[in-house]
Amino acid sequence: MGDKLLKVGEASRFLGCSQQTLRNYETKGILYPDEVYPSGHRFYSESSLEEFVHKHMEKESS
């Protein structure tokens, strides 16, 4: 617990992709936000993003 939540812009910088790419990941079921506020703002935890990077890197190196 206590994992920092990142906004879409922060998460896209963390991953090195555009905000639109991050939204596309959600649409395609590749990566979902950890929290979605009633206002529609999406937040991603650092641990979820690190896990995504780890899995993504494994696939590229195989």
N, C-alpha and C. Protein backbone atom coordinates (compact mmCIF):
# COMPACT_ATOMS: atom_id res chain seq x y z
N MET A 1 0.84 -1.19 0.00
CA MET A 1 0.00 0.00 0.00
C MET A 1 0.88 1.24 0.00
N GLY A 2 0.26 2.39 -0.20
CA GLY A 2 1.02 3.62 -0.23
C GLY A 2 1.70 3.85 -1.57
N ASP A 3 1.36 3.03 -2.55
CA ASP A 3 1.93 3.16 -3.88
C ASP A 3 1.49 4.48 -4.49
N LYS A 4 2.42 5.22 -5.04
CA LYS A 4 2.11 6.52 -5.64
C LYS A 4 1.25 6.33 -6.89
N LEU A 5 0.20 7.13 -7.00
CA LEU A 5 -0.66 7.11 -8.18
C LEU A 5 -0.24 8.23 -9.12
N LEU A 6 -0.11 7.89 -10.38
CA LEU A 6 0.31 8.84 -11.41
C LEU A 6 -0.84 9.17 -12.35
N LYS A 7 -0.94 10.43 -12.72
CA LYS A 7 -1.92 10.84 -13.72
C LYS A 7 -1.48 10.32 -15.08
N VAL A 8 -2.36 10.41 -16.06
CA VAL A 8 -2.07 9.89 -17.40
C VAL A 8 -0.77 10.47 -17.96
N GLY A 9 -0.57 11.77 -17.85
CA GLY A 9 0.64 12.39 -18.37
C GLY A 9 1.89 11.89 -17.69
N GLU A 10 1.82 11.74 -16.37
CA GLU A 10 2.96 11.24 -15.60
C GLU A 10 3.24 9.78 -15.95
N ALA A 11 2.18 9.00 -16.09
CA ALA A 11 2.32 7.59 -16.42
C ALA A 11 2.90 7.41 -17.82
N SER A 12 2.47 8.25 -18.76
CA SER A 12 3.00 8.14 -20.13
C SER A 12 4.49 8.49 -20.15
N ARG A 13 4.91 9.49 -19.37
CA ARG A 13 6.34 9.81 -19.29
C ARG A 13 7.11 8.66 -18.64
N PHE A 14 6.54 8.04 -17.62
CA PHE A 14 7.15 6.90 -16.94
C PHE A 14 7.41 5.77 -17.94
N LEU A 15 6.43 5.53 -18.83
CA LEU A 15 6.54 4.46 -19.81
C LEU A 15 7.27 4.86 -21.07
N GLY A 16 7.42 6.17 -21.29
CA GLY A 16 8.09 6.64 -22.51
C GLY A 16 7.19 6.56 -23.73
N CYS A 17 5.91 6.77 -23.53
CA CYS A 17 4.95 6.73 -24.64
C CYS A 17 4.05 7.96 -24.55
N SER A 18 3.22 8.14 -25.56
CA SER A 18 2.30 9.28 -25.55
C SER A 18 1.09 8.96 -24.66
N GLN A 19 0.37 10.00 -24.30
CA GLN A 19 -0.84 9.81 -23.51
C GLN A 19 -1.86 9.02 -24.31
N GLN A 20 -1.92 9.27 -25.61
CA GLN A 20 -2.87 8.54 -26.46
C GLN A 20 -2.53 7.05 -26.50
N THR A 21 -1.25 6.73 -26.55
CA THR A 21 -0.85 5.32 -26.53
C THR A 21 -1.31 4.65 -25.24
N LEU A 22 -1.16 5.36 -24.13
CA LEU A 22 -1.60 4.83 -22.84
C LEU A 22 -3.11 4.58 -22.86
N ARG A 23 -3.87 5.50 -23.44
CA ARG A 23 -5.32 5.31 -23.55
C ARG A 23 -5.65 4.14 -24.47
N ASN A 24 -4.86 3.99 -25.55
CA ASN A 24 -5.05 2.86 -26.46
C ASN A 24 -4.79 1.54 -25.76
N TYR A 25 -3.80 1.49 -24.86
CA TYR A 25 -3.53 0.28 -24.09
C TYR A 25 -4.77 -0.12 -23.30
N GLU A 26 -5.44 0.86 -22.73
CA GLU A 26 -6.66 0.58 -21.97
C GLU A 26 -7.76 0.04 -22.89
N THR A 27 -7.95 0.70 -24.01
CA THR A 27 -8.98 0.29 -24.97
C THR A 27 -8.76 -1.14 -25.45
N LYS A 28 -7.48 -1.49 -25.66
CA LYS A 28 -7.14 -2.82 -26.16
C LYS A 28 -7.03 -3.86 -25.05
N GLY A 29 -7.19 -3.43 -23.80
CA GLY A 29 -7.13 -4.36 -22.68
C GLY A 29 -5.72 -4.76 -22.28
N ILE A 30 -4.74 -3.93 -22.64
CA ILE A 30 -3.34 -4.23 -22.34
C ILE A 30 -2.94 -3.72 -20.96
N LEU A 31 -3.43 -2.54 -20.61
CA LEU A 31 -3.08 -1.92 -19.33
C LEU A 31 -4.26 -1.07 -18.87
N TYR A 32 -4.74 -1.35 -17.68
CA TYR A 32 -5.87 -0.61 -17.13
C TYR A 32 -5.41 0.31 -16.01
N PRO A 33 -6.07 1.45 -15.85
CA PRO A 33 -5.74 2.31 -14.72
C PRO A 33 -6.13 1.63 -13.40
N ASP A 34 -5.40 1.97 -12.36
CA ASP A 34 -5.71 1.40 -11.04
C ASP A 34 -6.91 2.08 -10.41
N GLU A 35 -7.11 3.34 -10.75
CA GLU A 35 -8.27 4.07 -10.24
C GLU A 35 -8.80 4.99 -11.33
N VAL A 36 -10.12 5.08 -11.39
CA VAL A 36 -10.80 6.03 -12.27
C VAL A 36 -11.77 6.80 -11.40
N TYR A 37 -11.57 8.09 -11.32
CA TYR A 37 -12.43 8.94 -10.50
C TYR A 37 -13.74 9.21 -11.23
N PRO A 38 -14.79 9.57 -10.51
CA PRO A 38 -16.07 9.89 -11.16
C PRO A 38 -15.93 10.96 -12.24
N SER A 39 -14.94 11.82 -12.09
CA SER A 39 -14.70 12.87 -13.09
C SER A 39 -14.09 12.32 -14.37
N GLY A 40 -13.68 11.03 -14.34
CA GLY A 40 -13.07 10.41 -15.51
C GLY A 40 -11.55 10.41 -15.48
N HIS A 41 -10.95 11.08 -14.51
CA HIS A 41 -9.49 11.09 -14.40
C HIS A 41 -9.00 9.69 -14.07
N ARG A 42 -7.94 9.28 -14.78
CA ARG A 42 -7.37 7.95 -14.60
C ARG A 42 -6.04 8.06 -13.89
N PHE A 43 -5.78 7.08 -13.01
CA PHE A 43 -4.55 7.05 -12.25
C PHE A 43 -3.95 5.66 -12.31
N TYR A 44 -2.64 5.61 -12.48
CA TYR A 44 -1.89 4.37 -12.58
C TYR A 44 -0.89 4.30 -11.43
N SER A 45 -0.78 3.16 -10.79
CA SER A 45 0.19 3.02 -9.70
C SER A 45 1.57 2.74 -10.30
N GLU A 46 2.58 3.21 -9.60
CA GLU A 46 3.95 2.97 -10.06
C GLU A 46 4.23 1.47 -10.16
N SER A 47 3.72 0.70 -9.20
CA SER A 47 3.99 -0.74 -9.23
C SER A 47 3.33 -1.41 -10.44
N SER A 48 2.14 -0.97 -10.82
CA SER A 48 1.48 -1.52 -12.01
C SER A 48 2.27 -1.20 -13.27
N LEU A 49 2.78 0.02 -13.33
CA LEU A 49 3.57 0.42 -14.50
C LEU A 49 4.89 -0.34 -14.56
N GLU A 50 5.52 -0.53 -13.41
CA GLU A 50 6.77 -1.29 -13.37
C GLU A 50 6.53 -2.74 -13.80
N GLU A 51 5.42 -3.31 -13.35
CA GLU A 51 5.07 -4.68 -13.74
C GLU A 51 4.82 -4.76 -15.25
N PHE A 52 4.13 -3.76 -15.78
CA PHE A 52 3.86 -3.71 -17.22
C PHE A 52 5.18 -3.64 -18.00
N VAL A 53 6.09 -2.79 -17.57
CA VAL A 53 7.38 -2.65 -18.24
C VAL A 53 8.13 -3.98 -18.19
N HIS A 54 8.13 -4.62 -17.03
CA HIS A 54 8.82 -5.90 -16.88
C HIS A 54 8.25 -6.94 -17.84
N LYS A 55 6.95 -7.06 -17.90
CA LYS A 55 6.31 -8.03 -18.80
C LYS A 55 6.56 -7.68 -20.26
N HIS A 56 6.47 -6.40 -20.58
CA HIS A 56 6.66 -5.94 -21.95
C HIS A 56 8.10 -6.20 -22.40
N MET A 57 9.05 -5.96 -21.53
CA MET A 57 10.47 -6.17 -21.85
C MET A 57 10.75 -7.66 -22.04
N GLU A 58 10.11 -8.52 -21.26
CA GLU A 58 10.30 -9.96 -21.41
C GLU A 58 9.85 -10.43 -22.79
N LYS A 59 8.72 -9.90 -23.26
CA LYS A 59 8.19 -10.30 -24.56
C LYS A 59 9.11 -9.84 -25.69
N GLU A 60 9.68 -8.63 -25.56
CA GLU A 60 10.55 -8.10 -26.60
C GLU A 60 11.87 -8.87 -26.66
N SER A 61 12.36 -9.35 -25.53
CA SER A 61 13.64 -10.04 -25.51
C SER A 61 13.52 -11.52 -25.88
N SER A 62 12.29 -12.03 -25.98
CA SER A 62 12.08 -13.45 -26.32
C SER A 62 12.16 -13.67 -27.81
